[in-house]
Amino acid sequence: MNSPNPITLIIAEDHEVTRLGLKILLEHTPGFRVLAEAADGQTAVAKVVELQPAVVLMDVGLPGLDGVQATREIKKRAPGVRVVMFTSHAGDDDIFAAFSAGADAYCLKETPTSNLLMAISSVASGAAWLDPGIANRVLSVYSQGMARPGPAAAEVATGQGTAAPALSDRDLEVLRLVIEGLGNQAIAERLYLSVETVKSHMRHIMEKLSVADRTQAAVKALREGII
């Protein structure tokens, strides 16, 4: 279906049936146009550099150059291209490695079609996307004290990366609940605050993290090991 300004994509997926299904879905959804496909990471990087799509739909478990490595290379060679990780890999190491490599969204393959399309649209517009299931899983791991800091957090700790912004303890409490998927009203009730106070904390958080919305704040917090 034709659209005046479609979101252009490259699909990087080694499973042929899945790749074909994604292509059919996107080509029959108004507002999207698939430029090319890739069955491995090296091909994905080459096609991205050549075609400069708006978004890459990237599997983690690609042969040769895996999805995380390919994402890191794409961000070096075509920094304006946005990357949506679309994978069955739900492990903490994969999630943090993907965000540290520069991924803009992380979606599980079990996510509803509407969520996938929303994730692609969100990153194409400059926002970020975090699968609610992933957010809850990561938060759960942290609350149990089991998570290890991702590469970006390790860089900050060793002085190799950019220093994490100074968030107050209350800011961090609010941000953790954002990652859990709670809205302002629910956060206010959980922390015994007014909604206006929660909104004020959200403004401070977004300013300190230099992001435009709460989803980007959650993604950046996870990517840089702030939470």
Protein backbone atom coordinates (compact mmCIF):
# COMPACT_ATOMS: atom_id res chain seq x y z
CA MET A 1 0.00 0.00 0.00
CA ASN A 2 1.30 3.42 -0.91
CA SER A 3 1.84 6.27 1.54
CA PRO A 4 3.20 9.78 0.83
CA ASN A 5 6.07 9.49 3.34
CA PRO A 6 6.43 5.85 4.38
CA ILE A 7 8.83 4.69 7.06
CA THR A 8 11.55 2.86 5.17
CA LEU A 9 12.90 -0.35 6.68
CA ILE A 10 15.43 -3.12 6.33
CA ILE A 11 14.55 -6.46 7.91
CA ALA A 12 17.51 -8.38 9.38
CA GLU A 13 16.25 -11.86 10.24
CA ASP A 14 17.88 -15.22 9.51
CA HIS A 15 14.68 -17.28 9.73
CA GLU A 16 13.21 -17.16 6.24
CA VAL A 17 9.58 -17.74 7.21
CA THR A 18 9.71 -15.06 9.91
CA ARG A 19 11.43 -12.65 7.55
CA LEU A 20 8.80 -13.23 4.87
CA GLY A 21 5.99 -12.79 7.40
CA LEU A 22 7.41 -9.47 8.57
CA LYS A 23 7.84 -8.27 5.00
CA ILE A 24 4.24 -9.13 4.10
CA LEU A 25 2.95 -7.47 7.27
CA LEU A 26 4.86 -4.25 6.72
CA GLU A 27 4.23 -4.00 2.98
CA HIS A 28 0.49 -4.37 3.56
CA THR A 29 0.39 -1.80 6.35
CA PRO A 30 0.00 1.85 5.24
CA GLY A 31 2.98 4.01 6.16
CA PHE A 32 5.74 1.39 5.87
CA ARG A 33 8.03 0.35 3.01
CA VAL A 34 10.59 -2.46 3.09
CA LEU A 35 13.73 -1.55 1.15
CA ALA A 36 15.65 -4.78 1.61
CA GLU A 37 16.14 -7.93 3.66
CA ALA A 38 19.22 -9.50 5.24
CA ALA A 39 19.77 -12.98 6.61
CA ASP A 40 22.99 -12.15 8.50
CA GLY A 41 24.53 -9.21 10.32
CA GLN A 42 27.22 -8.38 7.80
CA THR A 43 24.69 -8.11 4.99
CA ALA A 44 22.43 -6.01 7.20
CA VAL A 45 25.21 -3.49 7.86
CA ALA A 46 26.11 -3.29 4.16
CA LYS A 47 22.50 -2.74 3.09
CA VAL A 48 21.93 -0.09 5.78
CA VAL A 49 25.00 1.85 4.68
CA GLU A 50 23.92 1.58 1.04
CA LEU A 51 20.19 2.31 1.39
CA GLN A 52 20.00 4.46 4.55
CA PRO A 53 16.59 3.28 5.81
CA ALA A 54 14.79 5.06 8.60
CA VAL A 55 14.62 1.89 10.71
CA VAL A 56 16.24 -1.54 10.88
CA LEU A 57 14.23 -4.40 12.33
CA MET A 58 17.05 -6.47 13.84
CA ASP A 59 17.12 -10.00 15.22
CA VAL A 60 19.66 -10.64 17.97
CA GLY A 61 20.66 -14.16 16.95
CA LEU A 62 22.00 -13.51 13.45
CA PRO A 63 24.77 -15.76 12.05
CA GLY A 64 28.28 -14.38 11.71
CA LEU A 65 27.97 -10.82 12.93
CA ASP A 66 25.19 -11.07 15.49
CA GLY A 67 22.45 -8.49 15.93
CA VAL A 68 24.17 -6.65 18.78
CA GLN A 69 27.46 -6.39 16.88
CA ALA A 70 25.60 -5.34 13.73
CA THR A 71 23.75 -2.65 15.68
CA ARG A 72 27.00 -1.27 17.05
CA GLU A 73 28.47 -1.15 13.55
CA ILE A 74 25.35 0.50 12.10
CA LYS A 75 25.41 3.19 14.78
CA LYS A 76 29.04 3.94 13.86
CA ARG A 77 28.55 3.99 10.09
CA ALA A 78 24.96 5.29 9.83
CA PRO A 79 24.18 7.01 13.15
CA GLY A 80 20.87 8.44 11.93
CA VAL A 81 19.38 5.00 11.34
CA ARG A 82 17.18 3.74 14.16
CA VAL A 83 17.34 0.11 15.33
CA VAL A 84 14.46 -1.96 16.69
CA MET A 85 15.63 -5.24 18.21
CA PHE A 86 12.95 -7.83 17.41
CA THR A 87 13.86 -11.11 18.98
CA SER A 88 12.91 -14.10 21.09
CA HIS A 89 15.97 -13.48 23.30
CA ALA A 90 14.73 -12.23 26.66
CA GLY A 91 17.92 -12.72 28.65
CA ASP A 92 19.30 -9.82 30.67
CA ASP A 93 22.69 -9.97 28.95
CA ASP A 94 21.06 -9.65 25.52
CA ILE A 95 18.86 -6.74 26.62
CA PHE A 96 21.66 -4.69 28.16
CA ALA A 97 24.10 -5.53 25.37
CA ALA A 98 21.56 -4.34 22.78
CA PHE A 99 20.95 -1.01 24.52
CA SER A 100 24.66 -0.51 25.11
CA ALA A 101 25.24 -1.06 21.38
CA GLY A 102 22.79 1.74 20.63
CA ALA A 103 19.47 -0.03 20.02
CA ASP A 104 16.48 2.32 20.16
CA ALA A 105 13.85 -0.31 20.97
CA TYR A 106 13.64 -3.89 22.20
CA CYS A 107 10.61 -6.00 21.29
CA LEU A 108 9.99 -9.67 21.90
CA LYS A 109 8.63 -11.70 19.00
CA GLU A 110 5.63 -12.60 21.12
CA THR A 111 4.58 -8.93 21.24
CA PRO A 112 1.27 -8.06 19.56
CA THR A 113 1.51 -6.77 16.00
CA SER A 114 0.14 -3.41 17.10
CA ASN A 115 3.01 -3.00 19.57
CA LEU A 116 5.60 -3.83 16.93
CA LEU A 117 4.16 -1.25 14.52
CA MET A 118 4.02 1.30 17.34
CA ALA A 119 7.65 0.57 18.24
CA ILE A 120 8.76 1.14 14.65
CA SER A 121 6.73 4.35 14.38
CA SER A 122 8.03 5.60 17.73
CA VAL A 123 11.71 5.17 16.91
CA ALA A 124 11.21 6.59 13.41
CA SER A 125 9.83 9.76 15.00
CA GLY A 126 12.83 10.04 17.31
CA ALA A 127 11.36 8.46 20.42
CA ALA A 128 12.26 5.12 21.99
CA TRP A 129 10.38 1.96 22.79
CA LEU A 130 10.69 -0.66 25.50
CA ASP A 131 8.61 -3.82 25.46
CA PRO A 132 6.52 -3.77 28.67
CA GLY A 133 7.42 -7.40 29.30
CA ILE A 134 11.11 -6.58 29.12
CA ALA A 135 10.73 -3.57 31.39
CA ASN A 136 8.98 -5.60 34.07
CA ARG A 137 11.54 -8.41 33.79
CA VAL A 138 14.50 -6.06 34.12
CA LEU A 139 12.93 -4.25 37.05
CA SER A 140 12.22 -7.59 38.75
CA VAL A 141 15.83 -8.69 38.33
CA TYR A 142 17.09 -5.43 39.78
CA SER A 143 14.73 -5.58 42.74
CA GLN A 144 16.13 -9.03 43.58
CA GLY A 145 19.68 -7.70 43.40
CA MET A 146 20.59 -10.14 40.63
CA ALA A 147 21.36 -7.80 37.73
CA ARG A 148 24.87 -7.03 36.65
CA PRO A 149 25.69 -3.59 35.24
CA GLY A 150 25.68 -3.45 31.47
CA PRO A 151 28.74 -2.37 29.45
CA ALA A 152 27.69 1.29 29.49
CA ALA A 153 27.36 1.24 33.28
CA ALA A 154 30.75 -0.43 33.57
CA GLU A 155 32.31 2.31 31.44
CA VAL A 156 30.83 4.98 33.72
CA ALA A 157 32.08 3.15 36.81
CA THR A 158 35.62 2.94 35.41
CA GLY A 159 35.66 6.51 34.12
CA GLN A 160 35.60 5.47 30.45
CA GLY A 161 32.12 6.71 29.68
CA THR A 162 30.01 9.79 30.28
CA ALA A 163 29.16 10.36 33.93
CA ALA A 164 25.61 9.41 34.81
CA PRO A 165 23.36 12.40 35.53
CA ALA A 166 22.70 13.16 39.20
CA LEU A 167 19.17 12.00 39.93
CA SER A 168 17.73 12.34 43.41
CA ASP A 169 16.57 9.30 45.35
CA ARG A 170 12.96 10.30 44.67
CA ASP A 171 13.73 10.75 40.95
CA LEU A 172 15.10 7.22 40.91
CA GLU A 173 12.01 5.87 42.68
CA VAL A 174 9.78 7.53 40.08
CA LEU A 175 11.97 6.29 37.21
CA ARG A 176 11.85 2.70 38.48
CA LEU A 177 8.05 2.84 38.47
CA VAL A 178 8.07 4.31 34.95
CA ILE A 179 10.18 1.34 33.84
CA GLU A 180 7.64 -0.92 35.57
CA GLY A 181 5.03 0.59 33.26
CA LEU A 182 3.06 2.73 35.73
CA GLY A 183 1.41 6.01 34.71
CA ASN A 184 1.57 9.22 36.72
CA GLN A 185 -1.60 8.49 38.72
CA ALA A 186 -0.42 5.01 39.70
CA ILE A 187 3.04 6.32 40.61
CA ALA A 188 1.46 9.03 42.76
CA GLU A 189 -0.62 6.42 44.61
CA ARG A 190 2.34 4.10 45.08
CA LEU A 191 4.61 6.82 46.48
CA TYR A 192 1.89 8.77 48.33
CA LEU A 193 2.51 11.88 46.24
CA SER A 194 0.29 14.20 44.30
CA VAL A 195 0.08 13.74 40.52
CA GLU A 196 1.54 17.24 40.09
CA THR A 197 4.56 16.26 42.19
CA VAL A 198 5.08 13.15 40.04
CA LYS A 199 4.85 15.28 36.90
CA SER A 200 7.45 17.64 38.38
CA HIS A 201 9.80 14.72 39.03
CA MET A 202 9.24 13.49 35.47
CA ARG A 203 10.19 16.91 34.10
CA HIS A 204 13.37 16.91 36.20
CA ILE A 205 14.22 13.36 35.09
CA MET A 206 13.76 14.16 31.40
CA GLU A 207 15.79 17.35 31.71
CA LYS A 208 18.63 15.59 33.52
CA LEU A 209 18.67 12.69 31.03
CA SER A 210 18.24 15.04 28.04
CA VAL A 211 15.31 13.07 26.65
CA ALA A 212 11.93 14.09 25.26
CA ASP A 213 9.57 11.61 26.89
CA ARG A 214 9.20 8.98 29.62
CA THR A 215 9.89 6.04 27.31
CA GLN A 216 13.19 7.52 26.24
CA ALA A 217 13.99 8.12 29.90
CA ALA A 218 13.35 4.45 30.70
CA VAL A 219 15.44 3.24 27.77
CA LYS A 220 18.34 5.56 28.60
CA ALA A 221 18.25 4.53 32.25
CA LEU A 222 18.51 0.87 31.28
CA ARG A 223 21.06 1.48 28.51
CA GLU A 224 23.42 3.45 30.75
CA GLY A 225 22.95 1.44 33.93
CA ILE A 226 21.39 4.35 35.83
CA ILE A 227 18.73 2.12 37.42
